[in-house]
Amino acid sequence: MENKRHLSTEQREELAQILKARFEQNSNRHNGMEWPNVQAKLEAKPEKLWPLHEMETTGGEPDVVGYDEKTGEYIFYDCSAESPRGRFREAEGMEGCCIALSLNNCNYSASW
């Protein structure tokens, strides 16, 4: 049985390109951070791409907004200007998904 929360290689590569472009276009959100370090964390924990992919496919704009020195985790928020239409209803069915996503744990530090 196929895992519905698993991204294909093509999906991972496409998402990585989108995230990298957004990272480069919005450097003010992550001063002092470098994309190769973020990318290495994402590649080491591909299961953490699922919530980012879901944010992206529902009209969100996930981007790196912080780094937790204690845990060594990068934190992603949905940085879209507005909550995408239908997001509240869709979020109910997305267990384990959140706006603030660290690469080791899922932190619910922002609400839909």
N, C-alpha and C. Protein backbone atom coordinates (compact mmCIF):
# COMPACT_ATOMS: atom_id res chain seq x y z
N MET A 1 0.84 -1.19 0.00
CA MET A 1 0.00 0.00 0.00
C MET A 1 0.89 1.25 0.00
N GLU A 2 0.59 2.17 -0.87
CA GLU A 2 1.40 3.37 -1.02
C GLU A 2 1.11 4.36 0.11
N ASN A 3 2.16 4.97 0.64
CA ASN A 3 2.04 5.98 1.68
C ASN A 3 1.59 7.28 1.03
N LYS A 4 0.41 7.78 1.42
CA LYS A 4 -0.13 9.00 0.82
C LYS A 4 0.66 10.23 1.23
N ARG A 5 1.48 10.13 2.27
CA ARG A 5 2.26 11.27 2.73
C ARG A 5 3.71 11.19 2.27
N HIS A 6 3.92 10.48 1.21
CA HIS A 6 5.25 10.31 0.65
C HIS A 6 5.30 11.05 -0.68
N LEU A 7 6.30 11.88 -0.86
CA LEU A 7 6.45 12.61 -2.12
C LEU A 7 7.37 11.82 -3.05
N SER A 8 7.03 11.84 -4.32
CA SER A 8 7.89 11.21 -5.32
C SER A 8 9.18 12.03 -5.44
N THR A 9 10.16 11.46 -6.07
CA THR A 9 11.42 12.18 -6.30
C THR A 9 11.15 13.46 -7.08
N GLU A 10 10.29 13.38 -8.07
CA GLU A 10 9.96 14.56 -8.88
C GLU A 10 9.29 15.63 -8.03
N GLN A 11 8.36 15.24 -7.16
CA GLN A 11 7.70 16.21 -6.28
C GLN A 11 8.68 16.85 -5.32
N ARG A 12 9.60 16.06 -4.76
CA ARG A 12 10.60 16.60 -3.83
C ARG A 12 11.49 17.60 -4.54
N GLU A 13 11.93 17.27 -5.75
CA GLU A 13 12.81 18.16 -6.51
C GLU A 13 12.09 19.46 -6.87
N GLU A 14 10.84 19.35 -7.29
CA GLU A 14 10.07 20.54 -7.65
C GLU A 14 9.86 21.44 -6.43
N LEU A 15 9.50 20.83 -5.29
CA LEU A 15 9.31 21.60 -4.07
C LEU A 15 10.61 22.26 -3.63
N ALA A 16 11.72 21.55 -3.73
CA ALA A 16 13.01 22.12 -3.35
C ALA A 16 13.34 23.34 -4.20
N GLN A 17 13.04 23.29 -5.49
CA GLN A 17 13.29 24.43 -6.38
C GLN A 17 12.43 25.63 -5.97
N ILE A 18 11.17 25.37 -5.64
CA ILE A 18 10.26 26.45 -5.22
C ILE A 18 10.75 27.06 -3.91
N LEU A 19 11.10 26.21 -2.95
CA LEU A 19 11.56 26.70 -1.65
C LEU A 19 12.85 27.49 -1.78
N LYS A 20 13.76 27.00 -2.62
CA LYS A 20 15.02 27.71 -2.83
C LYS A 20 14.78 29.09 -3.44
N ALA A 21 13.92 29.15 -4.45
CA ALA A 21 13.63 30.44 -5.10
C ALA A 21 13.01 31.41 -4.10
N ARG A 22 12.07 30.91 -3.28
CA ARG A 22 11.44 31.78 -2.29
C ARG A 22 12.45 32.23 -1.25
N PHE A 23 13.34 31.33 -0.84
CA PHE A 23 14.39 31.65 0.12
C PHE A 23 15.26 32.79 -0.42
N GLU A 24 15.65 32.67 -1.67
CA GLU A 24 16.52 33.68 -2.29
C GLU A 24 15.80 35.01 -2.52
N GLN A 25 14.51 34.96 -2.82
CA GLN A 25 13.74 36.18 -3.08
C GLN A 25 13.38 36.93 -1.81
N ASN A 26 13.41 36.26 -0.67
CA ASN A 26 12.96 36.87 0.59
C ASN A 26 14.04 36.75 1.66
N SER A 27 15.24 37.17 1.33
CA SER A 27 16.37 37.02 2.25
C SER A 27 16.16 37.76 3.57
N ASN A 28 15.30 38.75 3.59
CA ASN A 28 15.02 39.49 4.82
C ASN A 28 14.37 38.61 5.89
N ARG A 29 13.78 37.50 5.50
CA ARG A 29 13.13 36.60 6.45
C ARG A 29 14.12 35.70 7.18
N HIS A 30 15.31 35.55 6.66
CA HIS A 30 16.26 34.60 7.22
C HIS A 30 17.70 35.10 7.14
N ASN A 31 17.93 36.26 7.73
CA ASN A 31 19.27 36.84 7.75
C ASN A 31 20.27 35.86 8.38
N GLY A 32 21.40 35.72 7.74
CA GLY A 32 22.46 34.88 8.27
C GLY A 32 22.32 33.40 7.97
N MET A 33 21.22 32.99 7.35
CA MET A 33 21.03 31.58 7.01
C MET A 33 21.42 31.35 5.56
N GLU A 34 21.89 30.16 5.28
CA GLU A 34 22.32 29.81 3.93
C GLU A 34 21.52 28.63 3.42
N TRP A 35 21.08 28.72 2.16
CA TRP A 35 20.23 27.68 1.58
C TRP A 35 20.86 26.29 1.62
N PRO A 36 22.14 26.11 1.32
CA PRO A 36 22.70 24.75 1.36
C PRO A 36 22.50 24.06 2.72
N ASN A 37 22.54 24.81 3.80
CA ASN A 37 22.32 24.22 5.13
C ASN A 37 20.86 23.79 5.30
N VAL A 38 19.94 24.63 4.83
CA VAL A 38 18.51 24.29 4.90
C VAL A 38 18.24 23.07 4.02
N GLN A 39 18.77 23.09 2.82
CA GLN A 39 18.56 21.99 1.88
C GLN A 39 19.08 20.67 2.44
N ALA A 40 20.24 20.71 3.10
CA ALA A 40 20.80 19.49 3.69
C ALA A 40 19.86 18.90 4.74
N LYS A 41 19.24 19.76 5.55
CA LYS A 41 18.28 19.29 6.56
C LYS A 41 17.06 18.68 5.89
N LEU A 42 16.55 19.33 4.85
CA LEU A 42 15.39 18.82 4.14
C LEU A 42 15.69 17.47 3.51
N GLU A 43 16.86 17.33 2.92
CA GLU A 43 17.23 16.07 2.29
C GLU A 43 17.43 14.96 3.31
N ALA A 44 17.89 15.33 4.50
CA ALA A 44 18.11 14.33 5.55
C ALA A 44 16.80 13.84 6.17
N LYS A 45 15.75 14.65 6.08
CA LYS A 45 14.45 14.30 6.67
C LYS A 45 13.34 14.54 5.64
N PRO A 46 13.30 13.73 4.58
CA PRO A 46 12.32 13.97 3.51
C PRO A 46 10.87 13.86 3.97
N GLU A 47 10.61 13.17 5.07
CA GLU A 47 9.24 13.09 5.58
C GLU A 47 8.72 14.45 6.04
N LYS A 48 9.61 15.39 6.32
CA LYS A 48 9.20 16.73 6.74
C LYS A 48 8.75 17.59 5.56
N LEU A 49 8.93 17.11 4.34
CA LEU A 49 8.50 17.85 3.17
C LEU A 49 6.99 17.80 2.97
N TRP A 50 6.33 16.78 3.50
CA TRP A 50 4.90 16.64 3.28
C TRP A 50 4.10 17.87 3.70
N PRO A 51 4.25 18.37 4.94
CA PRO A 51 3.47 19.56 5.32
C PRO A 51 3.82 20.79 4.46
N LEU A 52 5.08 20.91 4.08
CA LEU A 52 5.48 22.03 3.21
C LEU A 52 4.81 21.89 1.84
N HIS A 53 4.78 20.68 1.34
CA HIS A 53 4.12 20.40 0.06
C HIS A 53 2.63 20.73 0.15
N GLU A 54 2.00 20.34 1.23
CA GLU A 54 0.57 20.62 1.40
C GLU A 54 0.30 22.11 1.51
N MET A 55 1.16 22.84 2.21
CA MET A 55 1.01 24.29 2.27
C MET A 55 1.08 24.87 0.87
N GLU A 56 2.08 24.44 0.12
CA GLU A 56 2.30 24.95 -1.23
C GLU A 56 1.13 24.63 -2.15
N THR A 57 0.64 23.39 -2.11
CA THR A 57 -0.42 22.99 -3.03
C THR A 57 -1.78 23.57 -2.67
N THR A 58 -1.93 24.09 -1.46
CA THR A 58 -3.19 24.73 -1.08
C THR A 58 -3.09 26.25 -1.15
N GLY A 59 -2.06 26.74 -1.84
CA GLY A 59 -1.95 28.18 -2.07
C GLY A 59 -1.09 28.92 -1.07
N GLY A 60 -0.44 28.20 -0.18
CA GLY A 60 0.43 28.85 0.79
C GLY A 60 1.81 29.10 0.21
N GLU A 61 2.63 29.76 1.00
CA GLU A 61 3.99 30.07 0.59
C GLU A 61 4.95 29.77 1.73
N PRO A 62 5.25 28.49 1.97
CA PRO A 62 6.17 28.16 3.06
C PRO A 62 7.56 28.72 2.82
N ASP A 63 8.14 29.28 3.89
CA ASP A 63 9.49 29.82 3.80
C ASP A 63 10.15 29.71 5.17
N VAL A 64 11.46 29.67 5.15
CA VAL A 64 12.24 29.62 6.38
C VAL A 64 12.17 30.98 7.07
N VAL A 65 11.84 30.98 8.36
CA VAL A 65 11.76 32.24 9.08
C VAL A 65 12.60 32.25 10.35
N GLY A 66 13.20 31.12 10.67
CA GLY A 66 14.01 31.08 11.87
C GLY A 66 14.85 29.83 11.99
N TYR A 67 15.71 29.88 12.97
CA TYR A 67 16.59 28.75 13.27
C TYR A 67 16.68 28.64 14.78
N ASP A 68 16.39 27.47 15.30
CA ASP A 68 16.45 27.24 16.74
C ASP A 68 17.85 26.75 17.09
N GLU A 69 18.61 27.61 17.75
CA GLU A 69 20.00 27.28 18.12
C GLU A 69 20.08 26.06 19.03
N LYS A 70 19.11 25.91 19.93
CA LYS A 70 19.13 24.79 20.88
C LYS A 70 18.98 23.44 20.18
N THR A 71 18.04 23.38 19.24
CA THR A 71 17.72 22.10 18.61
C THR A 71 18.37 21.91 17.24
N GLY A 72 18.87 23.01 16.66
CA GLY A 72 19.43 22.93 15.32
C GLY A 72 18.37 22.78 14.24
N GLU A 73 17.17 23.27 14.53
CA GLU A 73 16.05 23.13 13.60
C GLU A 73 15.76 24.43 12.87
N TYR A 74 15.45 24.30 11.58
CA TYR A 74 14.96 25.44 10.81
C TYR A 74 13.45 25.47 10.96
N ILE A 75 12.88 26.66 11.02
CA ILE A 75 11.46 26.82 11.22
C ILE A 75 10.86 27.46 9.97
N PHE A 76 9.82 26.83 9.47
CA PHE A 76 9.09 27.32 8.29
C PHE A 76 7.74 27.85 8.73
N TYR A 77 7.32 28.95 8.12
CA TYR A 77 5.96 29.48 8.29
C TYR A 77 5.36 29.61 6.90
N ASP A 78 4.06 29.62 6.87
CA ASP A 78 3.35 29.96 5.65
C ASP A 78 3.36 31.48 5.56
N CYS A 79 4.09 32.02 4.60
CA CYS A 79 4.28 33.46 4.49
C CYS A 79 3.40 34.10 3.42
N SER A 80 2.32 33.42 3.03
CA SER A 80 1.42 34.01 2.04
C SER A 80 0.76 35.25 2.64
N ALA A 81 0.43 36.19 1.78
CA ALA A 81 -0.16 37.45 2.24
C ALA A 81 -1.51 37.22 2.92
N GLU A 82 -2.26 36.23 2.47
CA GLU A 82 -3.56 35.90 3.04
C GLU A 82 -3.66 34.40 3.22
N SER A 83 -4.52 33.97 4.14
CA SER A 83 -4.78 32.54 4.26
C SER A 83 -5.47 32.09 2.98
N PRO A 84 -4.93 31.07 2.34
CA PRO A 84 -5.53 30.59 1.10
C PRO A 84 -6.98 30.16 1.31
N ARG A 85 -7.80 30.39 0.32
CA ARG A 85 -9.22 30.04 0.37
C ARG A 85 -9.39 28.55 0.67
N GLY A 86 -10.25 28.23 1.62
CA GLY A 86 -10.52 26.85 1.96
C GLY A 86 -9.53 26.24 2.92
N ARG A 87 -8.50 26.98 3.31
CA ARG A 87 -7.43 26.42 4.14
C ARG A 87 -7.97 25.89 5.48
N PHE A 88 -8.92 26.58 6.10
CA PHE A 88 -9.41 26.15 7.40
C PHE A 88 -10.05 24.77 7.31
N ARG A 89 -10.88 24.55 6.32
CA ARG A 89 -11.53 23.24 6.16
C ARG A 89 -10.50 22.18 5.82
N GLU A 90 -9.59 22.48 4.92
CA GLU A 90 -8.60 21.51 4.50
C GLU A 90 -7.67 21.14 5.64
N ALA A 91 -7.35 22.10 6.49
CA ALA A 91 -6.41 21.85 7.58
C ALA A 91 -6.95 20.83 8.57
N GLU A 92 -8.26 20.74 8.70
CA GLU A 92 -8.84 19.78 9.64
C GLU A 92 -8.43 18.35 9.29
N GLY A 93 -8.26 18.06 8.01
CA GLY A 93 -7.91 16.72 7.59
C GLY A 93 -6.42 16.47 7.49
N MET A 94 -5.61 17.43 7.86
CA MET A 94 -4.17 17.30 7.72
C MET A 94 -3.52 17.12 9.08
N GLU A 95 -3.69 15.96 9.67
CA GLU A 95 -3.08 15.68 10.96
C GLU A 95 -1.58 15.82 10.85
N GLY A 96 -0.98 16.44 11.84
CA GLY A 96 0.46 16.57 11.86
C GLY A 96 0.98 17.73 11.02
N CYS A 97 0.09 18.43 10.34
CA CYS A 97 0.53 19.57 9.54
C CYS A 97 0.37 20.84 10.35
N CYS A 98 1.27 21.71 10.17
CA CYS A 98 1.18 22.96 10.90
C CYS A 98 1.87 24.04 10.09
N ILE A 99 1.66 25.28 10.48
CA ILE A 99 2.31 26.38 9.77
C ILE A 99 3.76 26.51 10.20
N ALA A 100 4.02 26.39 11.47
CA ALA A 100 5.40 26.46 11.94
C ALA A 100 5.94 25.04 11.98
N LEU A 101 6.88 24.74 11.14
CA LEU A 101 7.39 23.39 11.03
C LEU A 101 8.89 23.39 11.26
N SER A 102 9.32 22.70 12.29
CA SER A 102 10.75 22.53 12.46
C SER A 102 11.10 21.23 11.75
N LEU A 103 12.34 21.04 11.46
CA LEU A 103 12.73 19.85 10.73
C LEU A 103 12.91 18.63 11.63
N ASN A 104 12.75 18.77 12.92
CA ASN A 104 12.79 17.62 13.80
C ASN A 104 11.43 17.39 14.47
N ASN A 105 10.73 18.44 14.78
CA ASN A 105 9.42 18.33 15.42
C ASN A 105 8.48 19.32 14.79
N CYS A 106 7.20 19.07 14.94
CA CYS A 106 6.20 19.98 14.41
C CYS A 106 5.76 20.89 15.55
N ASN A 107 6.04 22.17 15.43
CA ASN A 107 5.69 23.14 16.47
C ASN A 107 4.43 23.88 16.07
N TYR A 108 3.45 23.89 16.92
CA TYR A 108 2.21 24.61 16.65
C TYR A 108 2.32 26.02 17.22
N SER A 109 3.22 26.81 16.68
CA SER A 109 3.43 28.14 17.21
C SER A 109 2.69 29.22 16.42
N ALA A 110 1.98 28.82 15.40
CA ALA A 110 1.16 29.76 14.64
C ALA A 110 -0.14 29.05 14.30
N SER A 111 -1.21 29.78 14.17
CA SER A 111 -2.49 29.14 13.88
C SER A 111 -2.88 29.37 12.45
N TRP A 112 -3.75 28.48 11.94
CA TRP A 112 -4.27 28.62 10.58
C TRP A 112 -5.08 29.82 10.57
